[in-house]
Each structure stands twice: as C-alpha cells, then as structure tokens.
Amino acid sequence: MNRKAGRYALLCLVMVFPPLVLAAVIRQTSTGLLTWIGTGIFIPSYALWMVAYLQMGKPMNVLPQTDRFVTNGLYSRIRHPPYVFGQLAYLAVVLCTKSVSQCVVWLLILLLQRGQARKEERLLEEKFGTAYAEYKKRTWF
C-alpha cells in the first residue's frame, strides 16, 4: 500500500472509531438533554475536524514546523480548525459523559492547544511575514 492510500485508510479508521466509542459511552450512561446536545455537537464537529486534517494536506506534527500555510477551505475562515473542531468534539464527549474528570482533561487540552497555536503562529509570522499577518487579520483563531 502506498503512503497516500495508507493515510486515507488511517483517516477512515479515525473517522469511524470515535463515533463508535461515543455510541458505547451513550449506551453506558443515562440519556438526557446533555447527551442529546453533546451528540448534536459531536457529529458535525468531528466531521469538520476530519475535513480540516484533509485540507491541511499533511499530518500534524507535535512540534510546530511548516513550509507553507493553508488558506483554503475551513482555513479561509479559521486559522486552527483542527483545534477548534477537535475541542468541540471533546466538549461533546464531556457533555455526554457528564464527567468532571473529562471536563478537567478537556480544559487542560484546551490550554495546551492554545499555547501550541501561539507557537505555530509565531513560526508562521517569522517565515511568511506580512502574508501571514494579512491572513491573520481576516481569520478567527
């Protein structure tokens, strides 16, 4: 299997597995308004999270690095769509599980990703200068 096909196979697995886990969580917990709200947030957030990864065109790195920045698709409105939609999907899980520990984890990840986004933006500003500054003015987070 070539690298591109392997990446799409992995993406398909990643797109299918978390919704199945969420369905199992919902079966284990009592359903109620928060569960339905969480599910309603999870489905579009998770789909947009995966779209953001596809539009990025390459896998994310743990350490900020780049040779280009994406400005089309979701990136035309949001500078960090994987962070935004990933956080919304995780918030949906918090709502479905009604778990304080999950909420704490969500808040910690939120803070870590905020710091990561700032590092990425500094790197992009250094590398692309005014082009990135203009992009930043017309987009949200």
N, C-alpha and C. Protein backbone atom coordinates (compact mmCIF):
# COMPACT_ATOMS: atom_id res chain seq x y z
N MET A 1 0.86 -1.18 0.00
CA MET A 1 0.00 0.00 0.00
C MET A 1 0.90 1.24 0.00
N ASN A 2 0.62 2.18 -0.91
CA ASN A 2 1.45 3.37 -0.93
C ASN A 2 1.10 4.31 0.22
N ARG A 3 1.93 5.31 0.41
CA ARG A 3 1.81 6.21 1.57
C ARG A 3 0.46 6.95 1.58
N LYS A 4 0.04 7.44 0.43
CA LYS A 4 -1.22 8.18 0.35
C LYS A 4 -2.42 7.28 0.67
N ALA A 5 -2.43 6.07 0.13
CA ALA A 5 -3.52 5.13 0.41
C ALA A 5 -3.54 4.75 1.88
N GLY A 6 -2.35 4.57 2.46
CA GLY A 6 -2.25 4.27 3.89
C GLY A 6 -2.80 5.39 4.74
N ARG A 7 -2.52 6.63 4.34
CA ARG A 7 -3.02 7.79 5.08
C ARG A 7 -4.54 7.86 5.02
N TYR A 8 -5.11 7.59 3.86
CA TYR A 8 -6.57 7.62 3.75
C TYR A 8 -7.22 6.47 4.50
N ALA A 9 -6.57 5.31 4.51
CA ALA A 9 -7.09 4.17 5.28
C ALA A 9 -7.09 4.50 6.77
N LEU A 10 -6.00 5.11 7.24
CA LEU A 10 -5.92 5.52 8.64
C LEU A 10 -6.98 6.58 8.95
N LEU A 11 -7.17 7.51 8.05
CA LEU A 11 -8.19 8.55 8.25
C LEU A 11 -9.58 7.93 8.33
N CYS A 12 -9.87 6.95 7.49
CA CYS A 12 -11.17 6.27 7.55
C CYS A 12 -11.36 5.60 8.90
N LEU A 13 -10.31 4.94 9.40
CA LEU A 13 -10.38 4.31 10.72
C LEU A 13 -10.62 5.35 11.80
N VAL A 14 -9.89 6.46 11.71
CA VAL A 14 -10.04 7.52 12.71
C VAL A 14 -11.43 8.14 12.65
N MET A 15 -12.02 8.20 11.47
CA MET A 15 -13.36 8.78 11.35
C MET A 15 -14.44 7.85 11.90
N VAL A 16 -14.21 6.55 11.85
CA VAL A 16 -15.22 5.59 12.29
C VAL A 16 -15.10 5.27 13.78
N PHE A 17 -13.89 5.14 14.30
CA PHE A 17 -13.68 4.67 15.67
C PHE A 17 -14.27 5.60 16.74
N PRO A 18 -13.96 6.90 16.77
CA PRO A 18 -14.52 7.74 17.84
C PRO A 18 -16.04 7.80 17.89
N PRO A 19 -16.74 7.88 16.75
CA PRO A 19 -18.20 7.84 16.86
C PRO A 19 -18.71 6.53 17.48
N LEU A 20 -18.04 5.43 17.18
CA LEU A 20 -18.43 4.16 17.80
C LEU A 20 -18.18 4.19 19.31
N VAL A 21 -17.07 4.78 19.72
CA VAL A 21 -16.78 4.92 21.15
C VAL A 21 -17.83 5.80 21.81
N LEU A 22 -18.19 6.91 21.15
CA LEU A 22 -19.22 7.78 21.71
C LEU A 22 -20.55 7.03 21.84
N ALA A 23 -20.89 6.23 20.86
CA ALA A 23 -22.13 5.44 20.94
C ALA A 23 -22.09 4.48 22.13
N ALA A 24 -20.93 3.87 22.37
CA ALA A 24 -20.78 2.96 23.52
C ALA A 24 -20.91 3.73 24.83
N VAL A 25 -20.33 4.93 24.89
CA VAL A 25 -20.43 5.77 26.10
C VAL A 25 -21.89 6.12 26.36
N ILE A 26 -22.60 6.49 25.32
CA ILE A 26 -24.00 6.86 25.47
C ILE A 26 -24.82 5.68 25.98
N ARG A 27 -24.53 4.47 25.47
CA ARG A 27 -25.25 3.28 25.94
C ARG A 27 -24.98 3.01 27.42
N GLN A 28 -23.78 3.34 27.90
CA GLN A 28 -23.41 3.07 29.28
C GLN A 28 -23.93 4.12 30.26
N THR A 29 -24.27 5.30 29.77
CA THR A 29 -24.74 6.37 30.64
C THR A 29 -26.22 6.60 30.41
N SER A 30 -26.82 7.29 31.33
CA SER A 30 -28.23 7.61 31.15
C SER A 30 -28.36 8.70 30.09
N THR A 31 -29.34 8.53 29.24
CA THR A 31 -29.56 9.56 28.22
C THR A 31 -30.38 10.68 28.82
N GLY A 32 -30.18 11.84 28.33
CA GLY A 32 -30.89 13.01 28.78
C GLY A 32 -30.58 14.16 27.83
N LEU A 33 -30.97 15.34 28.22
CA LEU A 33 -30.78 16.50 27.36
C LEU A 33 -29.31 16.74 27.05
N LEU A 34 -28.42 16.63 28.06
CA LEU A 34 -26.99 16.86 27.81
C LEU A 34 -26.42 15.83 26.83
N THR A 35 -26.89 14.61 26.90
CA THR A 35 -26.43 13.57 25.97
C THR A 35 -26.83 13.92 24.55
N TRP A 36 -28.05 14.36 24.38
CA TRP A 36 -28.52 14.72 23.04
C TRP A 36 -27.81 15.96 22.53
N ILE A 37 -27.59 16.95 23.38
CA ILE A 37 -26.85 18.15 22.97
C ILE A 37 -25.43 17.77 22.60
N GLY A 38 -24.80 16.95 23.45
CA GLY A 38 -23.43 16.50 23.17
C GLY A 38 -23.33 15.75 21.86
N THR A 39 -24.27 14.87 21.60
CA THR A 39 -24.27 14.12 20.34
C THR A 39 -24.47 15.06 19.15
N GLY A 40 -25.35 16.03 19.33
CA GLY A 40 -25.60 17.01 18.27
C GLY A 40 -24.38 17.88 17.98
N ILE A 41 -23.57 18.12 18.99
CA ILE A 41 -22.33 18.89 18.80
C ILE A 41 -21.24 17.99 18.22
N PHE A 42 -21.19 16.75 18.69
CA PHE A 42 -20.11 15.84 18.30
C PHE A 42 -20.10 15.54 16.80
N ILE A 43 -21.24 15.20 16.26
CA ILE A 43 -21.29 14.73 14.88
C ILE A 43 -20.74 15.76 13.89
N PRO A 44 -21.25 17.00 13.86
CA PRO A 44 -20.68 17.95 12.89
C PRO A 44 -19.25 18.38 13.27
N SER A 45 -18.96 18.49 14.56
CA SER A 45 -17.61 18.90 14.97
C SER A 45 -16.58 17.87 14.55
N TYR A 46 -16.89 16.61 14.76
CA TYR A 46 -15.95 15.56 14.39
C TYR A 46 -15.75 15.50 12.88
N ALA A 47 -16.83 15.64 12.13
CA ALA A 47 -16.72 15.64 10.67
C ALA A 47 -15.86 16.80 10.19
N LEU A 48 -16.08 18.00 10.74
CA LEU A 48 -15.28 19.16 10.34
C LEU A 48 -13.83 19.04 10.79
N TRP A 49 -13.60 18.38 11.91
CA TRP A 49 -12.24 18.12 12.39
C TRP A 49 -11.49 17.28 11.35
N MET A 50 -12.14 16.24 10.85
CA MET A 50 -11.51 15.39 9.84
C MET A 50 -11.31 16.14 8.52
N VAL A 51 -12.28 16.97 8.14
CA VAL A 51 -12.15 17.78 6.93
C VAL A 51 -10.93 18.71 7.06
N ALA A 52 -10.75 19.30 8.23
CA ALA A 52 -9.61 20.20 8.45
C ALA A 52 -8.29 19.46 8.25
N TYR A 53 -8.19 18.23 8.74
CA TYR A 53 -6.98 17.45 8.53
C TYR A 53 -6.74 17.16 7.05
N LEU A 54 -7.80 16.83 6.33
CA LEU A 54 -7.66 16.58 4.90
C LEU A 54 -7.22 17.84 4.16
N GLN A 55 -7.80 18.98 4.53
CA GLN A 55 -7.46 20.22 3.86
C GLN A 55 -6.04 20.68 4.18
N MET A 56 -5.52 20.25 5.33
CA MET A 56 -4.15 20.62 5.68
C MET A 56 -3.17 19.98 4.69
N GLY A 57 -3.50 18.80 4.23
CA GLY A 57 -2.69 18.16 3.22
C GLY A 57 -1.50 17.38 3.72
N LYS A 58 -1.22 17.43 5.00
CA LYS A 58 -0.12 16.64 5.56
C LYS A 58 -0.42 16.41 7.04
N PRO A 59 0.17 15.37 7.62
CA PRO A 59 -0.11 15.10 9.04
C PRO A 59 0.41 16.22 9.93
N MET A 60 -0.27 16.38 11.05
CA MET A 60 0.17 17.38 12.03
C MET A 60 1.42 16.88 12.73
N ASN A 61 2.22 17.80 13.20
CA ASN A 61 3.43 17.49 13.94
C ASN A 61 3.25 17.90 15.38
N VAL A 62 3.96 17.22 16.26
CA VAL A 62 3.90 17.58 17.68
C VAL A 62 4.59 18.93 17.89
N LEU A 63 5.73 19.11 17.24
CA LEU A 63 6.45 20.38 17.34
C LEU A 63 6.05 21.26 16.17
N PRO A 64 5.85 22.55 16.42
CA PRO A 64 5.46 23.42 15.33
C PRO A 64 6.54 23.51 14.25
N GLN A 65 6.16 23.29 13.03
CA GLN A 65 7.04 23.44 11.89
C GLN A 65 6.18 23.58 10.65
N THR A 66 6.71 24.27 9.66
CA THR A 66 5.93 24.43 8.44
C THR A 66 6.79 24.91 7.29
N ASP A 67 6.34 24.60 6.10
CA ASP A 67 6.97 25.16 4.91
C ASP A 67 5.93 25.94 4.09
N ARG A 68 4.69 25.94 4.59
CA ARG A 68 3.60 26.65 3.93
C ARG A 68 2.47 26.83 4.94
N PHE A 69 1.51 27.69 4.59
CA PHE A 69 0.30 27.73 5.40
C PHE A 69 -0.91 27.64 4.49
N VAL A 70 -1.92 26.94 4.97
CA VAL A 70 -3.12 26.65 4.18
C VAL A 70 -4.11 27.79 4.39
N THR A 71 -4.70 28.27 3.28
CA THR A 71 -5.66 29.38 3.38
C THR A 71 -6.98 29.07 2.68
N ASN A 72 -7.17 27.83 2.25
CA ASN A 72 -8.42 27.49 1.57
C ASN A 72 -9.31 26.64 2.47
N GLY A 73 -10.55 26.44 2.05
CA GLY A 73 -11.49 25.61 2.80
C GLY A 73 -11.77 26.21 4.17
N LEU A 74 -11.77 25.36 5.19
CA LEU A 74 -12.02 25.83 6.56
C LEU A 74 -10.99 26.85 6.99
N TYR A 75 -9.77 26.72 6.47
CA TYR A 75 -8.68 27.62 6.83
C TYR A 75 -8.87 29.03 6.27
N SER A 76 -9.83 29.22 5.40
CA SER A 76 -10.11 30.57 4.89
C SER A 76 -10.83 31.42 5.93
N ARG A 77 -11.41 30.78 6.94
CA ARG A 77 -12.13 31.50 8.00
C ARG A 77 -11.52 31.30 9.38
N ILE A 78 -10.87 30.15 9.59
CA ILE A 78 -10.34 29.79 10.91
C ILE A 78 -8.87 29.38 10.73
N ARG A 79 -7.96 29.97 11.52
CA ARG A 79 -6.54 29.65 11.40
C ARG A 79 -6.21 28.25 11.91
N HIS A 80 -6.94 27.77 12.89
CA HIS A 80 -6.63 26.47 13.51
C HIS A 80 -7.88 25.58 13.61
N PRO A 81 -8.48 25.22 12.46
CA PRO A 81 -9.71 24.41 12.54
C PRO A 81 -9.55 23.05 13.23
N PRO A 82 -8.39 22.36 13.12
CA PRO A 82 -8.31 21.10 13.85
C PRO A 82 -8.45 21.31 15.37
N TYR A 83 -7.88 22.38 15.89
CA TYR A 83 -8.01 22.66 17.31
C TYR A 83 -9.45 23.02 17.68
N VAL A 84 -10.06 23.88 16.89
CA VAL A 84 -11.42 24.35 17.17
C VAL A 84 -12.40 23.17 17.15
N PHE A 85 -12.40 22.40 16.07
CA PHE A 85 -13.39 21.34 15.94
C PHE A 85 -13.04 20.13 16.81
N GLY A 86 -11.76 19.89 17.05
CA GLY A 86 -11.36 18.84 17.98
C GLY A 86 -11.82 19.16 19.39
N GLN A 87 -11.68 20.42 19.80
CA GLN A 87 -12.13 20.84 21.13
C GLN A 87 -13.65 20.74 21.25
N LEU A 88 -14.36 21.12 20.21
CA LEU A 88 -15.83 21.00 20.25
C LEU A 88 -16.25 19.53 20.35
N ALA A 89 -15.55 18.65 19.61
CA ALA A 89 -15.88 17.23 19.69
C ALA A 89 -15.60 16.69 21.09
N TYR A 90 -14.50 17.11 21.69
CA TYR A 90 -14.18 16.63 23.04
C TYR A 90 -15.16 17.20 24.06
N LEU A 91 -15.56 18.46 23.87
CA LEU A 91 -16.58 19.04 24.74
C LEU A 91 -17.87 18.24 24.66
N ALA A 92 -18.21 17.78 23.47
CA ALA A 92 -19.41 16.95 23.30
C ALA A 92 -19.31 15.66 24.11
N VAL A 93 -18.12 15.07 24.14
CA VAL A 93 -17.91 13.86 24.95
C VAL A 93 -18.09 14.19 26.43
N VAL A 94 -17.57 15.35 26.85
CA VAL A 94 -17.73 15.78 28.24
C VAL A 94 -19.22 15.90 28.58
N LEU A 95 -19.99 16.50 27.68
CA LEU A 95 -21.43 16.64 27.92
C LEU A 95 -22.12 15.29 27.99
N CYS A 96 -21.73 14.38 27.11
CA CYS A 96 -22.36 13.05 27.09
C CYS A 96 -22.02 12.23 28.33
N THR A 97 -20.78 12.33 28.78
CA THR A 97 -20.37 11.53 29.94
C THR A 97 -20.72 12.20 31.26
N LYS A 98 -20.91 13.51 31.22
CA LYS A 98 -21.20 14.29 32.44
C LYS A 98 -20.13 14.04 33.51
N SER A 99 -18.87 13.94 33.05
CA SER A 99 -17.76 13.58 33.92
C SER A 99 -16.91 14.80 34.25
N VAL A 100 -16.70 15.01 35.54
CA VAL A 100 -15.86 16.12 35.99
C VAL A 100 -14.41 15.88 35.55
N SER A 101 -13.93 14.64 35.64
CA SER A 101 -12.55 14.36 35.24
C SER A 101 -12.36 14.60 33.74
N GLN A 102 -13.35 14.25 32.93
CA GLN A 102 -13.27 14.53 31.49
C GLN A 102 -13.26 16.03 31.24
N CYS A 103 -14.00 16.77 32.02
CA CYS A 103 -14.03 18.23 31.89
C CYS A 103 -12.65 18.83 32.21
N VAL A 104 -12.01 18.31 33.25
CA VAL A 104 -10.67 18.79 33.62
C VAL A 104 -9.68 18.48 32.49
N VAL A 105 -9.75 17.27 31.94
CA VAL A 105 -8.87 16.91 30.83
C VAL A 105 -9.13 17.82 29.64
N TRP A 106 -10.40 18.08 29.34
CA TRP A 106 -10.75 18.97 28.23
C TRP A 106 -10.16 20.37 28.44
N LEU A 107 -10.25 20.90 29.65
CA LEU A 107 -9.70 22.22 29.93
C LEU A 107 -8.17 22.23 29.79
N LEU A 108 -7.51 21.19 30.26
CA LEU A 108 -6.06 21.10 30.13
C LEU A 108 -5.63 21.04 28.66
N ILE A 109 -6.33 20.23 27.87
CA ILE A 109 -6.03 20.15 26.44
C ILE A 109 -6.28 21.49 25.77
N LEU A 110 -7.34 22.17 26.17
CA LEU A 110 -7.66 23.49 25.63
C LEU A 110 -6.50 24.45 25.86
N LEU A 111 -5.98 24.47 27.08
CA LEU A 111 -4.85 25.36 27.41
C LEU A 111 -3.60 24.97 26.63
N LEU A 112 -3.31 23.67 26.55
CA LEU A 112 -2.13 23.22 25.81
C LEU A 112 -2.23 23.58 24.33
N GLN A 113 -3.40 23.39 23.74
CA GLN A 113 -3.56 23.70 22.33
C GLN A 113 -3.50 25.20 22.07
N ARG A 114 -3.96 25.98 23.00
CA ARG A 114 -3.86 27.45 22.86
C ARG A 114 -2.38 27.85 22.79
N GLY A 115 -1.57 27.27 23.67
CA GLY A 115 -0.14 27.54 23.64
C GLY A 115 0.51 27.05 22.36
N GLN A 116 0.11 25.88 21.91
CA GLN A 116 0.64 25.32 20.66
C GLN A 116 0.28 26.23 19.48
N ALA A 117 -0.95 26.74 19.47
CA ALA A 117 -1.39 27.63 18.39
C ALA A 117 -0.55 28.91 18.38
N ARG A 118 -0.24 29.44 19.53
CA ARG A 118 0.59 30.65 19.61
C ARG A 118 1.99 30.38 19.06
N LYS A 119 2.57 29.22 19.40
CA LYS A 119 3.90 28.87 18.87
C LYS A 119 3.85 28.74 17.35
N GLU A 120 2.82 28.08 16.84
CA GLU A 120 2.68 27.92 15.40
C GLU A 120 2.54 29.27 14.72
N GLU A 121 1.77 30.17 15.32
CA GLU A 121 1.58 31.48 14.71
C GLU A 121 2.87 32.29 14.70
N ARG A 122 3.66 32.21 15.77
CA ARG A 122 4.94 32.91 15.78
C ARG A 122 5.85 32.37 14.66
N LEU A 123 5.89 31.07 14.50
CA LEU A 123 6.69 30.46 13.46
C LEU A 123 6.23 30.91 12.07
N LEU A 124 4.93 30.91 11.86
CA LEU A 124 4.38 31.34 10.57
C LEU A 124 4.63 32.82 10.31
N GLU A 125 4.53 33.64 11.35
CA GLU A 125 4.81 35.07 11.20
C GLU A 125 6.27 35.29 10.82
N GLU A 126 7.18 34.53 11.44
CA GLU A 126 8.60 34.67 11.11
C GLU A 126 8.87 34.23 9.68
N LYS A 127 8.25 33.16 9.27
CA LYS A 127 8.54 32.59 7.95
C LYS A 127 7.85 33.35 6.81
N PHE A 128 6.59 33.79 7.02
CA PHE A 128 5.81 34.36 5.93
C PHE A 128 5.50 35.85 6.09
N GLY A 129 5.90 36.45 7.19
CA GLY A 129 5.80 37.89 7.38
C GLY A 129 4.42 38.49 7.14
N THR A 130 4.38 39.47 6.24
CA THR A 130 3.14 40.22 6.01
C THR A 130 2.02 39.36 5.41
N ALA A 131 2.38 38.34 4.63
CA ALA A 131 1.34 37.47 4.05
C ALA A 131 0.57 36.79 5.18
N TYR A 132 1.30 36.32 6.20
CA TYR A 132 0.61 35.67 7.32
C TYR A 132 -0.13 36.70 8.17
N ALA A 133 0.44 37.88 8.35
CA ALA A 133 -0.22 38.94 9.13
C ALA A 133 -1.55 39.32 8.49
N GLU A 134 -1.60 39.41 7.17
CA GLU A 134 -2.84 39.72 6.47
C GLU A 134 -3.86 38.58 6.62
N TYR A 135 -3.38 37.37 6.50
CA TYR A 135 -4.25 36.19 6.69
C TYR A 135 -4.83 36.19 8.10
N LYS A 136 -4.00 36.51 9.06
CA LYS A 136 -4.42 36.52 10.47
C LYS A 136 -5.52 37.57 10.72
N LYS A 137 -5.43 38.69 10.02
CA LYS A 137 -6.43 39.76 10.19
C LYS A 137 -7.82 39.33 9.71
N ARG A 138 -7.85 38.48 8.69
CA ARG A 138 -9.16 38.13 8.11
C ARG A 138 -9.71 36.80 8.59
N THR A 139 -9.02 36.17 9.57
CA THR A 139 -9.50 34.89 10.09
C THR A 139 -9.64 34.95 11.60
N TRP A 140 -10.39 33.96 12.12
CA TRP A 140 -10.60 33.84 13.56
C TRP A 140 -9.72 32.72 14.07
N PHE A 141 -9.23 32.82 15.29
CA PHE A 141 -8.35 31.85 15.94
C PHE A 141 -7.63 30.99 14.95
